[in-house]
């Protein structure tokens, strides 16, 4: 089995930056023909040009936009469903507008993308879909109720779609990133005080990089995962395995970006 993506036709939604772009870049580097689906922006055009990909302007809020983009992309073999948004408000401050928009993009957008992709893949009896879920699919991190609900729902899509798409030779899996350095989390990474507390509960003592998530996406999308479907892969530095926190002993120091343990 191989991670060779030569001549594979790949679509990445939310592909202009962050985890989406890192995944697209990795697949393009492995020989794939990549289409980036994202909102209209100079960043989309620059991102596509930088890796030799095609740029498709898309808003996952609109099913028609999704259908049109897939029609232009041709017969796709791999789809990374990554487009997403987040807005921080507590349960009392979350407006109906924020709630509706977050679920429309993160959850309904994921469903429509999966459905559109699967309809194209079904004709050929094969395909691989990778969803970007989150550690927040499982936990209740404060001030993110709309985001958390949407990402929990993504796992509902995952499990049901795996059950229904398997007979057509279509695999679907998900990555669950923890705190990854992306445009969505940039402000968090600018606060050493916040990071020191947050990373205290991550055994590896730091946040992740988009390229590290991209490697997990690559594996799930590839033939190396040919007998894997309906699975979630945590890319979180061990965060979900650490209930009581790893760091904070007298021998530990925080350098502004990561915890470090002094030699015994």
Protein backbone atom coordinates (compact mmCIF):
# COMPACT_ATOMS: atom_id res chain seq x y z
CA UNK A 1 0.00 0.00 0.00
CA UNK A 2 1.19 3.49 -0.82
CA UNK A 3 0.77 7.15 0.01
CA UNK A 4 1.41 7.99 -3.63
CA UNK A 5 -1.26 10.41 -4.85
CA UNK A 6 -0.09 10.54 -8.46
CA UNK A 7 -2.93 11.56 -10.77
CA UNK A 8 -5.48 11.43 -7.95
CA UNK A 9 -8.13 14.12 -8.32
CA UNK A 10 -8.43 15.79 -4.91
CA UNK A 11 -10.78 18.47 -3.57
CA UNK A 12 -10.10 20.35 -0.34
CA UNK A 13 -12.76 22.68 1.06
CA UNK A 14 -11.48 25.56 3.15
CA UNK A 15 -8.27 24.91 1.25
CA UNK A 16 -6.80 28.41 1.16
CA UNK A 17 -5.23 28.37 4.60
CA UNK A 18 -4.53 26.42 7.77
CA UNK A 19 -5.17 22.68 7.89
CA UNK A 20 -6.88 22.71 4.50
CA UNK A 21 -3.95 24.32 2.72
CA UNK A 22 -1.40 22.13 4.50
CA UNK A 23 -3.34 19.03 3.41
CA UNK A 24 -3.67 20.29 -0.15
CA UNK A 25 0.03 21.14 -0.33
CA UNK A 26 1.04 17.71 0.97
CA UNK A 27 -1.17 15.92 -1.54
CA UNK A 28 -0.02 18.11 -4.41
CA UNK A 29 3.56 17.33 -3.40
CA UNK A 30 2.70 13.62 -3.62
CA UNK A 31 1.45 14.00 -7.18
CA UNK A 32 -2.25 14.80 -6.80
CA UNK A 33 -4.28 17.13 -8.99
CA UNK A 34 -5.74 19.44 -6.37
CA UNK A 35 -8.71 21.79 -6.42
CA UNK A 36 -9.03 24.30 -3.59
CA UNK A 37 -12.61 25.22 -2.69
CA UNK A 38 -12.86 28.39 -0.61
CA UNK A 39 -14.42 31.82 -0.38
CA UNK A 40 -13.38 34.36 -2.98
CA UNK A 41 -10.18 36.08 -1.88
CA UNK A 42 -6.68 36.94 -3.00
CA UNK A 43 -5.51 34.35 -0.47
CA UNK A 44 -7.34 31.59 -2.37
CA UNK A 45 -5.75 32.54 -5.68
CA UNK A 46 -2.28 32.88 -4.15
CA UNK A 47 -2.60 29.57 -2.30
CA UNK A 48 -3.67 27.71 -5.44
CA UNK A 49 -0.91 29.23 -7.53
CA UNK A 50 1.74 28.40 -4.93
CA UNK A 51 1.07 24.64 -5.14
CA UNK A 52 -0.10 24.36 -8.74
CA UNK A 53 -3.73 23.78 -7.74
CA UNK A 54 -6.98 24.98 -9.25
CA UNK A 55 -9.00 27.59 -7.36
CA UNK A 56 -12.78 27.28 -7.12
CA UNK A 57 -14.78 29.99 -5.39
CA UNK A 58 -17.31 28.33 -3.13
CA UNK A 59 -19.51 29.10 -0.14
CA UNK A 60 -20.49 25.88 1.66
CA UNK A 61 -23.51 27.81 2.96
CA UNK A 62 -24.95 27.32 -0.54
CA UNK A 63 -25.72 23.86 -1.95
CA UNK A 64 -25.82 25.33 -5.44
CA UNK A 65 -22.31 26.69 -4.97
CA UNK A 66 -21.13 23.25 -3.85
CA UNK A 67 -22.77 21.53 -6.82
CA UNK A 68 -21.30 24.01 -9.28
CA UNK A 69 -17.79 23.62 -7.84
CA UNK A 70 -17.92 19.82 -7.97
CA UNK A 71 -19.19 19.97 -11.55
CA UNK A 72 -16.11 21.99 -12.50
CA UNK A 73 -13.75 19.74 -10.55
CA UNK A 74 -14.61 16.62 -12.53
CA UNK A 75 -14.45 13.05 -11.20
CA UNK A 76 -13.01 13.34 -7.70
CA UNK A 77 -11.38 10.46 -5.85
CA UNK A 78 -10.47 12.19 -2.58
CA UNK A 79 -12.34 14.97 -0.79
CA UNK A 80 -11.16 16.72 2.37
CA UNK A 81 -14.14 18.38 4.08
CA UNK A 82 -12.39 21.09 6.04
CA UNK A 83 -14.28 24.40 5.67
CA UNK A 84 -15.29 25.79 9.06
CA UNK A 85 -15.78 28.84 11.24
CA UNK A 86 -15.77 29.54 14.97
CA UNK A 87 -16.97 32.39 17.16
CA UNK A 88 -16.35 32.67 20.88
CA UNK A 89 -19.36 33.55 23.02
CA UNK A 90 -20.80 31.93 26.10
CA UNK A 91 -24.20 30.24 26.06
CA UNK A 92 -25.99 33.46 27.05
CA UNK A 93 -24.26 35.70 24.52
CA UNK A 94 -24.47 33.36 21.50
CA UNK A 95 -26.93 34.98 19.12
CA UNK A 96 -29.29 33.14 16.83
CA UNK A 97 -27.31 34.55 13.91
CA UNK A 98 -24.01 33.13 15.19
CA UNK A 99 -25.63 29.79 16.00
CA UNK A 100 -27.33 29.47 12.61
CA UNK A 101 -24.27 30.54 10.60
CA UNK A 102 -21.90 28.23 12.51
CA UNK A 103 -24.10 25.18 12.02
CA UNK A 104 -24.83 26.14 8.42
CA UNK A 105 -21.11 26.20 7.55
CA UNK A 106 -19.64 23.54 9.85
CA UNK A 107 -22.46 20.99 9.89
CA UNK A 108 -24.84 21.57 6.99
CA UNK A 109 -21.89 22.51 4.79
CA UNK A 110 -20.16 19.26 5.72
CA UNK A 111 -23.30 17.24 4.95
CA UNK A 112 -23.85 18.87 1.56
CA UNK A 113 -20.18 18.42 0.65
CA UNK A 114 -20.19 14.75 1.68
CA UNK A 115 -23.40 14.12 -0.24
CA UNK A 116 -22.17 15.85 -3.39
CA UNK A 117 -18.82 14.05 -3.24
CA UNK A 118 -20.39 10.65 -2.60
CA UNK A 119 -22.77 11.03 -5.53
CA UNK A 120 -19.79 11.48 -7.86
CA UNK A 121 -17.73 8.70 -6.25
CA UNK A 122 -20.61 6.22 -6.30
CA UNK A 123 -20.50 6.05 -10.09
CA UNK A 124 -16.96 4.65 -9.97
CA UNK A 125 -17.30 2.42 -6.90
CA UNK A 126 -14.48 4.02 -4.96
CA UNK A 127 -13.46 7.15 -3.10
CA UNK A 128 -12.11 8.53 0.15
CA UNK A 129 -13.54 11.38 2.22
CA UNK A 130 -11.79 12.91 5.23
CA UNK A 131 -13.68 15.23 7.57
CA UNK A 132 -12.10 17.80 9.86
CA UNK A 133 -13.86 17.26 13.17
CA UNK A 134 -12.25 18.37 16.46
CA UNK A 135 -11.42 17.41 20.01
CA UNK A 136 -14.39 19.71 20.64
CA UNK A 137 -16.55 17.03 19.02
CA UNK A 138 -16.20 15.31 22.41
CA UNK A 139 -15.71 17.97 25.07
CA UNK A 140 -17.55 21.09 26.14
CA UNK A 141 -14.91 23.79 25.99
CA UNK A 142 -16.44 27.00 27.31
CA UNK A 143 -17.52 29.86 25.05
CA UNK A 144 -17.80 27.67 21.96
CA UNK A 145 -21.26 26.18 22.19
CA UNK A 146 -22.15 26.61 18.51
CA UNK A 147 -18.77 25.33 17.32
CA UNK A 148 -18.85 22.38 19.73
CA UNK A 149 -22.36 21.39 18.67
CA UNK A 150 -21.44 21.59 14.99
CA UNK A 151 -18.33 19.45 15.42
CA UNK A 152 -20.20 16.87 17.49
CA UNK A 153 -22.68 16.70 14.63
CA UNK A 154 -19.88 16.07 12.15
CA UNK A 155 -19.23 12.76 13.89
CA UNK A 156 -22.89 11.88 13.39
CA UNK A 157 -22.38 12.44 9.67
CA UNK A 158 -19.19 10.35 9.81
CA UNK A 159 -20.74 7.29 11.44
CA UNK A 160 -23.88 7.26 9.33
CA UNK A 161 -22.06 7.92 6.06
CA UNK A 162 -19.52 5.17 6.78
CA UNK A 163 -22.41 2.73 7.24
CA UNK A 164 -24.18 3.79 4.06
CA UNK A 165 -21.24 4.50 1.73
CA UNK A 166 -19.13 1.43 2.47
CA UNK A 167 -21.10 -0.81 0.08
CA UNK A 168 -20.16 1.59 -2.74
CA UNK A 169 -16.44 1.34 -1.98
CA UNK A 170 -16.36 4.82 -0.44
CA UNK A 171 -14.43 5.28 2.79
CA UNK A 172 -15.03 8.21 5.14
CA UNK A 173 -12.96 9.08 8.19
CA UNK A 174 -12.22 12.11 10.36
CA UNK A 175 -9.31 13.85 12.00
CA UNK A 176 -9.90 15.47 15.38
CA UNK A 177 -7.30 18.21 15.81
CA UNK A 178 -6.61 19.88 19.12
CA UNK A 179 -5.27 23.42 19.28
CA UNK A 180 -3.48 23.91 15.96
CA UNK A 181 -1.72 27.09 14.82
CA UNK A 182 -4.05 28.42 12.07
CA UNK A 183 -5.61 31.79 11.20
CA UNK A 184 -8.62 30.68 13.28
CA UNK A 185 -6.47 30.28 16.42
CA UNK A 186 -3.83 32.95 15.80
CA UNK A 187 -4.93 35.15 18.73
CA UNK A 188 -4.61 32.22 21.14
CA UNK A 189 -1.04 31.58 20.07
CA UNK A 190 -0.17 35.23 20.76
CA UNK A 191 -0.97 34.85 24.48
CA UNK A 192 1.75 33.00 26.44
CA UNK A 193 -0.37 33.14 29.61
CA UNK A 194 -3.29 31.43 27.88
CA UNK A 195 -0.99 28.88 26.25
CA UNK A 196 0.78 28.03 29.50
CA UNK A 197 -2.52 27.06 31.09
CA UNK A 198 -3.95 25.33 28.01
CA UNK A 199 -0.82 23.34 27.21
CA UNK A 200 -0.55 22.22 30.84
CA UNK A 201 -3.07 19.54 29.93
CA UNK A 202 -1.34 18.37 26.73
CA UNK A 203 1.24 15.61 27.33
CA UNK A 204 3.45 16.84 24.48
CA UNK A 205 3.35 20.28 26.07
CA UNK A 206 2.62 22.35 22.98
CA UNK A 207 0.17 23.15 20.22
CA UNK A 208 0.18 21.54 16.81
CA UNK A 209 1.08 22.74 13.35
CA UNK A 210 -1.19 22.38 10.28
CA UNK A 211 1.38 20.13 8.61
CA UNK A 212 1.06 17.65 11.47
CA UNK A 213 -2.67 17.35 10.90
CA UNK A 214 -2.08 17.12 7.15
CA UNK A 215 -0.03 13.96 7.66
CA UNK A 216 -2.99 12.33 9.42
CA UNK A 217 -5.31 13.46 6.62
CA UNK A 218 -2.89 12.02 4.06
CA UNK A 219 -2.87 8.66 5.82
CA UNK A 220 -6.66 8.38 6.07
CA UNK A 221 -7.09 9.45 2.46
CA UNK A 222 -4.48 7.04 1.14
CA UNK A 223 -4.53 3.36 0.24
CA UNK A 224 -2.58 2.69 3.43
CA UNK A 225 -5.93 3.13 5.20
CA UNK A 226 -7.78 0.88 2.78
CA UNK A 227 -9.56 -1.06 5.57
CA UNK A 228 -10.36 1.97 7.71
CA UNK A 229 -13.71 3.74 7.56
CA UNK A 230 -15.89 5.44 10.15
CA UNK A 231 -12.81 6.14 12.27
CA UNK A 232 -11.60 9.25 14.07
CA UNK A 233 -7.92 10.05 14.50
CA UNK A 234 -6.94 12.47 17.27
CA UNK A 235 -4.14 14.89 16.39
CA UNK A 236 -3.98 16.64 19.73
CA UNK A 237 -0.64 15.95 21.42
CA UNK A 238 -2.38 13.54 23.77
CA UNK A 239 -4.86 16.12 25.11
CA UNK A 240 -7.87 13.79 25.12
CA UNK A 241 -5.87 11.16 27.03
CA UNK A 242 -4.88 13.57 29.82
CA UNK A 243 -7.64 14.09 32.38
CA UNK A 244 -5.70 15.77 35.17
CA UNK A 245 -2.95 17.60 33.31
CA UNK A 246 0.65 16.66 32.71
CA UNK A 247 2.60 19.83 33.39
CA UNK A 248 3.09 22.28 36.23
CA UNK A 249 5.60 20.53 38.49
CA UNK A 250 8.48 22.42 40.06
CA UNK A 251 10.78 20.93 37.44
CA UNK A 252 8.67 22.25 34.52
CA UNK A 253 9.10 25.55 32.71
CA UNK A 254 7.07 27.25 29.97
CA UNK A 255 9.05 29.09 27.29
CA UNK A 256 6.11 31.03 25.83
CA UNK A 257 5.12 28.34 23.33
CA UNK A 258 5.65 24.98 25.01
CA UNK A 259 6.24 23.25 28.35
CA UNK A 260 9.71 21.77 28.96
CA UNK A 261 10.74 19.34 31.69
CA UNK A 262 14.22 19.68 33.11
CA UNK A 263 16.33 16.50 33.01
CA UNK A 264 16.03 14.26 36.08
